[in-house]
């Protein structure tokens, strides 16, 4: 059951990050300022799902790992630590600032600098979670082979 919870939480987190990223890019490229502000507002609401999913994925990953585990487990733990730091220091503050500025109609140079940082941080999050997903599948295959 822990494996299923871990996989589900990680998968939902990846889908949300991809959705946030593509929604942002599409709103910036083809929508008006009001739509950009609306997307930023909905992303804040989406964090109410994303943050717990990331916490559940990380916590269940730690619970699933054996003491002294090495190899793929160590790689996954290092990636999750970086994902957490990136989330707390870049992604969350960016999301709140962008929501605030968009809500006030302040789509200025600061908005777009932070927007670029958030988009870059989002790509990093997605790649790291994707690598963890891939390694998780490798670990699952190895577990199934061992029986």
C-alpha atoms as a PDB file:
ATOM      1  CA  UNK A   1       0.000   0.000   0.000  1.00  0.00           C
ATOM      2  CA  UNK A   2       2.868   2.412   0.790  1.00  0.00           C
ATOM      3  CA  UNK A   3       4.259   1.864  -2.693  1.00  0.00           C
ATOM      4  CA  UNK A   4       0.902   2.732  -4.253  1.00  0.00           C
ATOM      5  CA  UNK A   5       0.524   5.900  -2.162  1.00  0.00           C
ATOM      6  CA  UNK A   6       4.086   6.930  -3.007  1.00  0.00           C
ATOM      7  CA  UNK A   7       3.581   6.389  -6.743  1.00  0.00           C
ATOM      8  CA  UNK A   8       0.187   8.099  -6.796  1.00  0.00           C
ATOM      9  CA  UNK A   9       1.379  11.174  -4.883  1.00  0.00           C
ATOM     10  CA  UNK A  10       4.456  11.505  -7.101  1.00  0.00           C
ATOM     11  CA  UNK A  11       2.440  11.087 -10.283  1.00  0.00           C
ATOM     12  CA  UNK A  12      -0.145  13.670  -9.231  1.00  0.00           C
ATOM     13  CA  UNK A  13       2.662  16.087  -8.330  1.00  0.00           C
ATOM     14  CA  UNK A  14       4.266  15.663 -11.755  1.00  0.00           C
ATOM     15  CA  UNK A  15       0.940  16.169 -13.539  1.00  0.00           C
ATOM     16  CA  UNK A  16       0.241  19.320 -11.520  1.00  0.00           C
ATOM     17  CA  UNK A  17       3.689  20.796 -12.165  1.00  0.00           C
ATOM     18  CA  UNK A  18       3.300  20.105 -15.884  1.00  0.00           C
ATOM     19  CA  UNK A  19      -0.186  21.641 -15.834  1.00  0.00           C
ATOM     20  CA  UNK A  20       0.996  24.739 -13.943  1.00  0.00           C
ATOM     21  CA  UNK A  21       3.908  25.221 -16.343  1.00  0.00           C
ATOM     22  CA  UNK A  22       1.900  24.806 -19.535  1.00  0.00           C
ATOM     23  CA  UNK A  23      -0.968  26.953 -18.212  1.00  0.00           C
ATOM     24  CA  UNK A  24       1.481  29.737 -17.470  1.00  0.00           C
ATOM     25  CA  UNK A  25       3.140  29.578 -20.882  1.00  0.00           C
ATOM     26  CA  UNK A  26      -0.160  29.390 -22.768  1.00  0.00           C
ATOM     27  CA  UNK A  27      -1.678  32.265 -20.785  1.00  0.00           C
ATOM     28  CA  UNK A  28       1.363  34.443 -21.452  1.00  0.00           C
ATOM     29  CA  UNK A  29       1.509  33.641 -25.158  1.00  0.00           C
ATOM     30  CA  UNK A  30      -2.120  33.749 -26.251  1.00  0.00           C
ATOM     31  CA  UNK A  31      -4.313  35.245 -23.522  1.00  0.00           C
ATOM     32  CA  UNK A  32      -5.016  38.721 -22.180  1.00  0.00           C
ATOM     33  CA  UNK A  33      -3.814  40.230 -18.889  1.00  0.00           C
ATOM     34  CA  UNK A  34      -6.984  39.226 -17.034  1.00  0.00           C
ATOM     35  CA  UNK A  35      -6.469  35.606 -18.051  1.00  0.00           C
ATOM     36  CA  UNK A  36      -2.844  35.726 -16.882  1.00  0.00           C
ATOM     37  CA  UNK A  37      -4.056  36.992 -13.493  1.00  0.00           C
ATOM     38  CA  UNK A  38      -6.698  34.263 -13.340  1.00  0.00           C
ATOM     39  CA  UNK A  39      -4.128  31.552 -14.112  1.00  0.00           C
ATOM     40  CA  UNK A  40      -1.863  32.881 -11.348  1.00  0.00           C
ATOM     41  CA  UNK A  41      -4.786  32.796  -8.899  1.00  0.00           C
ATOM     42  CA  UNK A  42      -5.725  29.225  -9.790  1.00  0.00           C
ATOM     43  CA  UNK A  43      -2.106  28.131  -9.455  1.00  0.00           C
ATOM     44  CA  UNK A  44      -2.202  29.259  -5.827  1.00  0.00           C
ATOM     45  CA  UNK A  45      -5.263  27.074  -5.280  1.00  0.00           C
ATOM     46  CA  UNK A  46      -3.466  24.214  -7.018  1.00  0.00           C
ATOM     47  CA  UNK A  47      -0.677  24.479  -4.462  1.00  0.00           C
ATOM     48  CA  UNK A  48      -3.177  23.214  -1.893  1.00  0.00           C
ATOM     49  CA  UNK A  49      -2.989  19.889  -3.733  1.00  0.00           C
ATOM     50  CA  UNK A  50       0.619  20.003  -4.962  1.00  0.00           C
ATOM     51  CA  UNK A  51       2.353  20.706  -1.648  1.00  0.00           C
ATOM     52  CA  UNK A  52       0.683  17.800   0.213  1.00  0.00           C
ATOM     53  CA  UNK A  53       1.370  15.479  -2.743  1.00  0.00           C
ATOM     54  CA  UNK A  54       5.064  16.378  -2.652  1.00  0.00           C
ATOM     55  CA  UNK A  55       5.143  15.915   1.125  1.00  0.00           C
ATOM     56  CA  UNK A  56       3.394  12.545   0.847  1.00  0.00           C
ATOM     57  CA  UNK A  57       5.714  11.419  -1.957  1.00  0.00           C
ATOM     58  CA  UNK A  58       8.787  12.477   0.013  1.00  0.00           C
ATOM     59  CA  UNK A  59       7.577  11.095   3.330  1.00  0.00           C
ATOM     60  CA  UNK A  60       6.432   7.788   1.895  1.00  0.00           C
ATOM     61  CA  UNK A  61       9.712   7.520  -0.009  1.00  0.00           C
ATOM     62  CA  UNK A  62      11.626   7.881   3.241  1.00  0.00           C
ATOM     63  CA  UNK A  63       9.310   5.342   4.916  1.00  0.00           C
ATOM     64  CA  UNK A  64       9.869   2.866   2.077  1.00  0.00           C
ATOM     65  CA  UNK A  65      13.655   3.137   2.142  1.00  0.00           C
ATOM     66  CA  UNK A  66      15.638   0.835   4.334  1.00  0.00           C
ATOM     67  CA  UNK A  67      18.246   2.209   6.747  1.00  0.00           C
ATOM     68  CA  UNK A  68      21.596   2.483   5.022  1.00  0.00           C
ATOM     69  CA  UNK A  69      20.043   2.100   1.555  1.00  0.00           C
ATOM     70  CA  UNK A  70      22.305   3.092  -1.313  1.00  0.00           C
ATOM     71  CA  UNK A  71      22.181   3.372  -5.071  1.00  0.00           C
ATOM     72  CA  UNK A  72      18.924   4.589  -6.562  1.00  0.00           C
ATOM     73  CA  UNK A  73      17.410   5.316  -3.148  1.00  0.00           C
ATOM     74  CA  UNK A  74      20.265   7.702  -2.346  1.00  0.00           C
ATOM     75  CA  UNK A  75      19.883   9.416  -5.719  1.00  0.00           C
ATOM     76  CA  UNK A  76      16.145   9.815  -5.194  1.00  0.00           C
ATOM     77  CA  UNK A  77      16.653  11.270  -1.701  1.00  0.00           C
ATOM     78  CA  UNK A  78      19.185  13.817  -2.997  1.00  0.00           C
ATOM     79  CA  UNK A  79      16.840  14.866  -5.787  1.00  0.00           C
ATOM     80  CA  UNK A  80      13.919  15.240  -3.380  1.00  0.00           C
ATOM     81  CA  UNK A  81      16.038  17.385  -1.057  1.00  0.00           C
ATOM     82  CA  UNK A  82      16.883  19.678  -3.973  1.00  0.00           C
ATOM     83  CA  UNK A  83      13.236  19.661  -5.075  1.00  0.00           C
ATOM     84  CA  UNK A  84      12.176  20.764  -1.584  1.00  0.00           C
ATOM     85  CA  UNK A  85      14.776  23.553  -1.466  1.00  0.00           C
ATOM     86  CA  UNK A  86      13.796  24.745  -4.953  1.00  0.00           C
ATOM     87  CA  UNK A  87      10.139  24.659  -3.963  1.00  0.00           C
ATOM     88  CA  UNK A  88      10.551  26.586  -0.726  1.00  0.00           C
ATOM     89  CA  UNK A  89      13.083  29.162  -1.938  1.00  0.00           C
ATOM     90  CA  UNK A  90      11.988  29.728  -5.547  1.00  0.00           C
ATOM     91  CA  UNK A  91       8.660  28.181  -6.497  1.00  0.00           C
ATOM     92  CA  UNK A  92       6.415  29.135  -3.564  1.00  0.00           C
ATOM     93  CA  UNK A  93       7.613  32.745  -3.167  1.00  0.00           C
ATOM     94  CA  UNK A  94       7.417  33.210  -6.941  1.00  0.00           C
ATOM     95  CA  UNK A  95       3.874  31.857  -7.096  1.00  0.00           C
ATOM     96  CA  UNK A  96       2.665  34.171  -4.341  1.00  0.00           C
ATOM     97  CA  UNK A  97       4.442  37.245  -5.723  1.00  0.00           C
ATOM     98  CA  UNK A  98       3.214  36.592  -9.261  1.00  0.00           C
ATOM     99  CA  UNK A  99      -0.346  36.084  -8.012  1.00  0.00           C
ATOM    100  CA  UNK A 100      -0.145  39.330  -6.042  1.00  0.00           C
ATOM    101  CA  UNK A 101       1.285  41.358  -8.921  1.00  0.00           C
ATOM    102  CA  UNK A 102      -1.047  39.852 -11.529  1.00  0.00           C
ATOM    103  CA  UNK A 103      -4.052  40.548  -9.311  1.00  0.00           C
ATOM    104  CA  UNK A 104      -3.026  44.212  -9.170  1.00  0.00           C
ATOM    105  CA  UNK A 105      -2.405  44.365 -12.913  1.00  0.00           C
ATOM    106  CA  UNK A 106       1.333  44.871 -12.373  1.00  0.00           C
ATOM    107  CA  UNK A 107       2.689  42.823 -15.251  1.00  0.00           C
ATOM    108  CA  UNK A 108       5.959  44.736 -15.229  1.00  0.00           C
ATOM    109  CA  UNK A 109       9.643  43.842 -15.592  1.00  0.00           C
ATOM    110  CA  UNK A 110       9.780  42.427 -12.043  1.00  0.00           C
ATOM    111  CA  UNK A 111       6.777  40.228 -12.813  1.00  0.00           C
ATOM    112  CA  UNK A 112       8.452  38.824 -15.913  1.00  0.00           C
ATOM    113  CA  UNK A 113      11.852  38.306 -14.261  1.00  0.00           C
ATOM    114  CA  UNK A 114      10.166  36.329 -11.485  1.00  0.00           C
ATOM    115  CA  UNK A 115       8.020  34.561 -14.097  1.00  0.00           C
ATOM    116  CA  UNK A 116      11.142  33.357 -15.931  1.00  0.00           C
ATOM    117  CA  UNK A 117      12.678  32.188 -12.635  1.00  0.00           C
ATOM    118  CA  UNK A 118       9.473  30.320 -11.790  1.00  0.00           C
ATOM    119  CA  UNK A 119       9.320  28.680 -15.220  1.00  0.00           C
ATOM    120  CA  UNK A 120      12.965  27.592 -14.943  1.00  0.00           C
ATOM    121  CA  UNK A 121      12.352  26.296 -11.426  1.00  0.00           C
ATOM    122  CA  UNK A 122       9.301  24.416 -12.684  1.00  0.00           C
ATOM    123  CA  UNK A 123      11.329  22.699 -15.394  1.00  0.00           C
ATOM    124  CA  UNK A 124      13.901  21.683 -12.781  1.00  0.00           C
ATOM    125  CA  UNK A 125      11.131  20.303 -10.528  1.00  0.00           C
ATOM    126  CA  UNK A 126       9.586  18.364 -13.394  1.00  0.00           C
ATOM    127  CA  UNK A 127      12.925  16.893 -14.510  1.00  0.00           C
ATOM    128  CA  UNK A 128      13.925  15.863 -10.984  1.00  0.00           C
ATOM    129  CA  UNK A 129      10.556  14.266 -10.290  1.00  0.00           C
ATOM    130  CA  UNK A 130      10.710  12.560 -13.689  1.00  0.00           C
ATOM    131  CA  UNK A 131      14.122  11.098 -12.872  1.00  0.00           C
ATOM    132  CA  UNK A 132      12.792   9.901  -9.526  1.00  0.00           C
ATOM    133  CA  UNK A 133       9.791   8.375 -11.287  1.00  0.00           C
ATOM    134  CA  UNK A 134      12.098   6.561 -13.723  1.00  0.00           C
ATOM    135  CA  UNK A 135      14.317   5.279 -10.908  1.00  0.00           C
ATOM    136  CA  UNK A 136      11.241   4.231  -8.943  1.00  0.00           C
ATOM    137  CA  UNK A 137      10.113   2.145 -11.913  1.00  0.00           C
ATOM    138  CA  UNK A 138      13.567   0.548 -12.101  1.00  0.00           C
ATOM    139  CA  UNK A 139      13.396  -0.278  -8.394  1.00  0.00           C
ATOM    140  CA  UNK A 140       9.909  -1.733  -8.833  1.00  0.00           C
ATOM    141  CA  UNK A 141      11.068  -3.936 -11.711  1.00  0.00           C
ATOM    142  CA  UNK A 142      13.979  -5.183  -9.614  1.00  0.00           C
ATOM    143  CA  UNK A 143      11.593  -5.936  -6.719  1.00  0.00           C
ATOM    144  CA  UNK A 144       9.271  -7.886  -9.022  1.00  0.00           C
ATOM    145  CA  UNK A 145      12.160  -9.897 -10.458  1.00  0.00           C
ATOM    146  CA  UNK A 146      13.419 -10.760  -6.961  1.00  0.00           C
ATOM    147  CA  UNK A 147       9.908 -11.902  -6.107  1.00  0.00           C
END
